[in-house]
Amino acid sequence: MSRSVLQYTTREGDRWDLIAHRYYGNALLIDGLIAANPHLPIAEAFAAGLTVLVPVLTAKPQTAQADMPPWLR
């Protein structure tokens, strides 16, 4: 089963959290990025020109509102 992956080329000063925010809308979703890029350093900031593989996240199936607790509807 193949997974969709995008490629992003870093700019000077890019960070894991900035890339996660750009692609996922959430700066906390860096774990998947780090796991998909063992070739990159765990650094505070990246140099320009590095290739970051960005796994495409699949949307979770929506839960029917009737199945949700009342405080989440």
N, C-alpha and C. Protein backbone atom coordinates (compact mmCIF):
# COMPACT_ATOMS: atom_id res chain seq x y z
N MET A 1 0.85 -1.18 0.00
CA MET A 1 0.00 0.00 0.00
C MET A 1 0.90 1.24 0.00
N SER A 2 0.76 2.08 -0.99
CA SER A 2 1.61 3.26 -1.06
C SER A 2 0.94 4.43 -0.36
N ARG A 3 1.75 5.26 0.20
CA ARG A 3 1.28 6.45 0.89
C ARG A 3 1.63 7.67 0.08
N SER A 4 0.76 8.63 0.06
CA SER A 4 1.04 9.86 -0.66
C SER A 4 2.02 10.71 0.13
N VAL A 5 3.01 11.22 -0.57
CA VAL A 5 4.03 12.05 0.07
C VAL A 5 4.30 13.25 -0.84
N LEU A 6 4.38 14.42 -0.23
CA LEU A 6 4.77 15.64 -0.93
C LEU A 6 6.23 15.93 -0.61
N GLN A 7 6.87 16.68 -1.48
CA GLN A 7 8.25 17.10 -1.21
C GLN A 7 8.27 18.61 -1.01
N TYR A 8 8.98 19.03 0.00
CA TYR A 8 9.14 20.45 0.30
C TYR A 8 10.63 20.74 0.38
N THR A 9 11.06 21.81 -0.26
CA THR A 9 12.47 22.24 -0.20
C THR A 9 12.56 23.37 0.81
N THR A 10 13.42 23.18 1.80
CA THR A 10 13.52 24.14 2.88
C THR A 10 14.11 25.48 2.43
N ARG A 11 13.71 26.49 3.18
CA ARG A 11 14.32 27.82 3.08
C ARG A 11 15.10 28.04 4.36
N GLU A 12 16.08 28.88 4.31
CA GLU A 12 16.90 29.17 5.49
C GLU A 12 16.00 29.52 6.68
N GLY A 13 16.21 28.81 7.79
CA GLY A 13 15.46 29.10 9.01
C GLY A 13 14.19 28.30 9.18
N ASP A 14 13.79 27.48 8.19
CA ASP A 14 12.62 26.62 8.37
C ASP A 14 12.85 25.71 9.56
N ARG A 15 11.75 25.36 10.22
CA ARG A 15 11.81 24.45 11.37
C ARG A 15 10.73 23.39 11.20
N TRP A 16 10.85 22.29 11.96
CA TRP A 16 9.85 21.23 11.90
C TRP A 16 8.45 21.78 12.15
N ASP A 17 8.29 22.61 13.17
CA ASP A 17 6.96 23.10 13.51
C ASP A 17 6.39 24.02 12.44
N LEU A 18 7.23 24.81 11.80
CA LEU A 18 6.75 25.69 10.73
C LEU A 18 6.27 24.89 9.52
N ILE A 19 6.98 23.83 9.21
CA ILE A 19 6.58 22.98 8.08
C ILE A 19 5.28 22.25 8.42
N ALA A 20 5.16 21.74 9.64
CA ALA A 20 3.92 21.08 10.06
C ALA A 20 2.74 22.05 9.99
N HIS A 21 2.95 23.27 10.44
CA HIS A 21 1.87 24.26 10.38
C HIS A 21 1.50 24.57 8.94
N ARG A 22 2.48 24.69 8.07
CA ARG A 22 2.22 25.02 6.66
C ARG A 22 1.38 23.93 5.99
N TYR A 23 1.72 22.67 6.23
CA TYR A 23 1.04 21.58 5.53
C TYR A 23 -0.15 20.99 6.27
N TYR A 24 -0.12 21.01 7.60
CA TYR A 24 -1.17 20.37 8.37
C TYR A 24 -2.06 21.35 9.13
N GLY A 25 -1.64 22.61 9.19
CA GLY A 25 -2.42 23.58 9.95
C GLY A 25 -2.26 23.43 11.45
N ASN A 26 -1.27 22.63 11.87
CA ASN A 26 -1.05 22.38 13.30
C ASN A 26 0.45 22.17 13.53
N ALA A 27 1.08 23.09 14.22
CA ALA A 27 2.52 23.03 14.46
C ALA A 27 2.94 21.87 15.36
N LEU A 28 1.98 21.24 16.03
CA LEU A 28 2.31 20.14 16.93
C LEU A 28 2.43 18.80 16.21
N LEU A 29 2.08 18.74 14.94
CA LEU A 29 2.10 17.47 14.20
C LEU A 29 3.46 17.21 13.55
N ILE A 30 4.52 17.32 14.35
CA ILE A 30 5.87 17.14 13.80
C ILE A 30 6.34 15.70 13.85
N ASP A 31 5.73 14.86 14.67
CA ASP A 31 6.21 13.49 14.83
C ASP A 31 6.23 12.72 13.51
N GLY A 32 5.16 12.84 12.72
CA GLY A 32 5.10 12.16 11.43
C GLY A 32 6.13 12.68 10.45
N LEU A 33 6.39 13.99 10.51
CA LEU A 33 7.41 14.58 9.64
C LEU A 33 8.79 14.05 9.99
N ILE A 34 9.10 14.02 11.27
CA ILE A 34 10.41 13.54 11.71
C ILE A 34 10.58 12.07 11.35
N ALA A 35 9.54 11.26 11.55
CA ALA A 35 9.62 9.83 11.24
C ALA A 35 9.83 9.60 9.74
N ALA A 36 9.25 10.44 8.90
CA ALA A 36 9.35 10.28 7.45
C ALA A 36 10.67 10.81 6.89
N ASN A 37 11.47 11.46 7.73
CA ASN A 37 12.70 12.10 7.27
C ASN A 37 13.91 11.76 8.12
N PRO A 38 14.26 10.47 8.21
CA PRO A 38 15.41 10.11 9.04
C PRO A 38 16.73 10.67 8.49
N HIS A 39 16.72 11.12 7.25
CA HIS A 39 17.93 11.67 6.63
C HIS A 39 18.19 13.12 7.05
N LEU A 40 17.23 13.74 7.72
CA LEU A 40 17.39 15.14 8.15
C LEU A 40 17.79 15.22 9.61
N PRO A 41 18.56 16.26 9.95
CA PRO A 41 18.97 16.41 11.35
C PRO A 41 17.81 16.88 12.22
N ILE A 42 17.85 16.48 13.48
CA ILE A 42 16.91 17.03 14.46
C ILE A 42 17.57 18.32 14.93
N ALA A 43 17.29 19.38 14.19
CA ALA A 43 17.95 20.66 14.43
C ALA A 43 16.93 21.73 14.78
N GLU A 44 17.44 22.79 15.37
CA GLU A 44 16.56 23.92 15.71
C GLU A 44 16.03 24.59 14.45
N ALA A 45 16.86 24.70 13.42
CA ALA A 45 16.45 25.30 12.15
C ALA A 45 17.22 24.62 11.02
N PHE A 46 16.60 24.59 9.85
CA PHE A 46 17.22 23.97 8.69
C PHE A 46 17.95 24.98 7.83
N ALA A 47 18.94 24.50 7.12
CA ALA A 47 19.58 25.30 6.07
C ALA A 47 18.66 25.26 4.85
N ALA A 48 18.89 26.14 3.91
CA ALA A 48 18.10 26.16 2.68
C ALA A 48 18.50 25.00 1.79
N GLY A 49 17.52 24.50 1.02
CA GLY A 49 17.80 23.51 0.00
C GLY A 49 17.68 22.05 0.40
N LEU A 50 17.22 21.76 1.62
CA LEU A 50 17.03 20.37 2.03
C LEU A 50 15.65 19.89 1.57
N THR A 51 15.54 18.62 1.23
CA THR A 51 14.25 18.06 0.82
C THR A 51 13.59 17.39 2.01
N VAL A 52 12.38 17.85 2.32
CA VAL A 52 11.59 17.29 3.41
C VAL A 52 10.44 16.52 2.78
N LEU A 53 10.28 15.25 3.16
CA LEU A 53 9.16 14.45 2.70
C LEU A 53 8.00 14.69 3.66
N VAL A 54 6.86 15.10 3.11
CA VAL A 54 5.69 15.45 3.92
C VAL A 54 4.58 14.43 3.63
N PRO A 55 4.36 13.48 4.55
CA PRO A 55 3.27 12.52 4.34
C PRO A 55 1.92 13.24 4.31
N VAL A 56 1.08 12.83 3.37
CA VAL A 56 -0.26 13.39 3.28
C VAL A 56 -1.12 12.68 4.32
N LEU A 57 -1.76 13.46 5.17
CA LEU A 57 -2.62 12.89 6.20
C LEU A 57 -3.99 12.60 5.61
N THR A 58 -4.52 11.45 5.96
CA THR A 58 -5.87 11.13 5.51
C THR A 58 -6.85 11.61 6.57
N ALA A 59 -7.98 12.08 6.12
CA ALA A 59 -8.98 12.59 7.05
C ALA A 59 -9.60 11.42 7.81
N LYS A 60 -9.84 11.63 9.09
CA LYS A 60 -10.50 10.61 9.89
C LYS A 60 -11.98 10.59 9.51
N PRO A 61 -12.59 9.41 9.51
CA PRO A 61 -14.02 9.36 9.19
C PRO A 61 -14.83 10.17 10.21
N GLN A 62 -15.78 10.87 9.71
CA GLN A 62 -16.63 11.69 10.58
C GLN A 62 -17.56 10.78 11.39
N THR A 63 -17.69 11.07 12.66
CA THR A 63 -18.60 10.33 13.53
C THR A 63 -19.97 10.98 13.42
N ALA A 64 -20.99 10.16 13.28
CA ALA A 64 -22.35 10.69 13.23
C ALA A 64 -22.64 11.40 14.53
N GLN A 65 -23.33 12.54 14.44
CA GLN A 65 -23.60 13.31 15.65
C GLN A 65 -24.41 12.53 16.66
N ALA A 66 -25.27 11.63 16.20
CA ALA A 66 -26.08 10.84 17.13
C ALA A 66 -25.20 9.93 17.98
N ASP A 67 -24.02 9.55 17.46
CA ASP A 67 -23.12 8.68 18.21
C ASP A 67 -22.22 9.44 19.18
N MET A 68 -22.25 10.75 19.11
CA MET A 68 -21.36 11.58 19.94
C MET A 68 -22.05 11.93 21.26
N PRO A 69 -21.25 12.14 22.30
CA PRO A 69 -21.84 12.61 23.55
C PRO A 69 -22.45 14.00 23.35
N PRO A 70 -23.48 14.36 24.09
CA PRO A 70 -24.16 15.64 23.89
C PRO A 70 -23.25 16.86 23.95
N TRP A 71 -22.21 16.83 24.79
CA TRP A 71 -21.34 18.01 24.91
C TRP A 71 -20.40 18.19 23.72
N LEU A 72 -20.34 17.20 22.81
CA LEU A 72 -19.51 17.32 21.61
C LEU A 72 -20.32 17.59 20.35
N ARG A 73 -21.64 17.58 20.45
CA ARG A 73 -22.49 17.79 19.27
C ARG A 73 -22.51 19.23 18.85
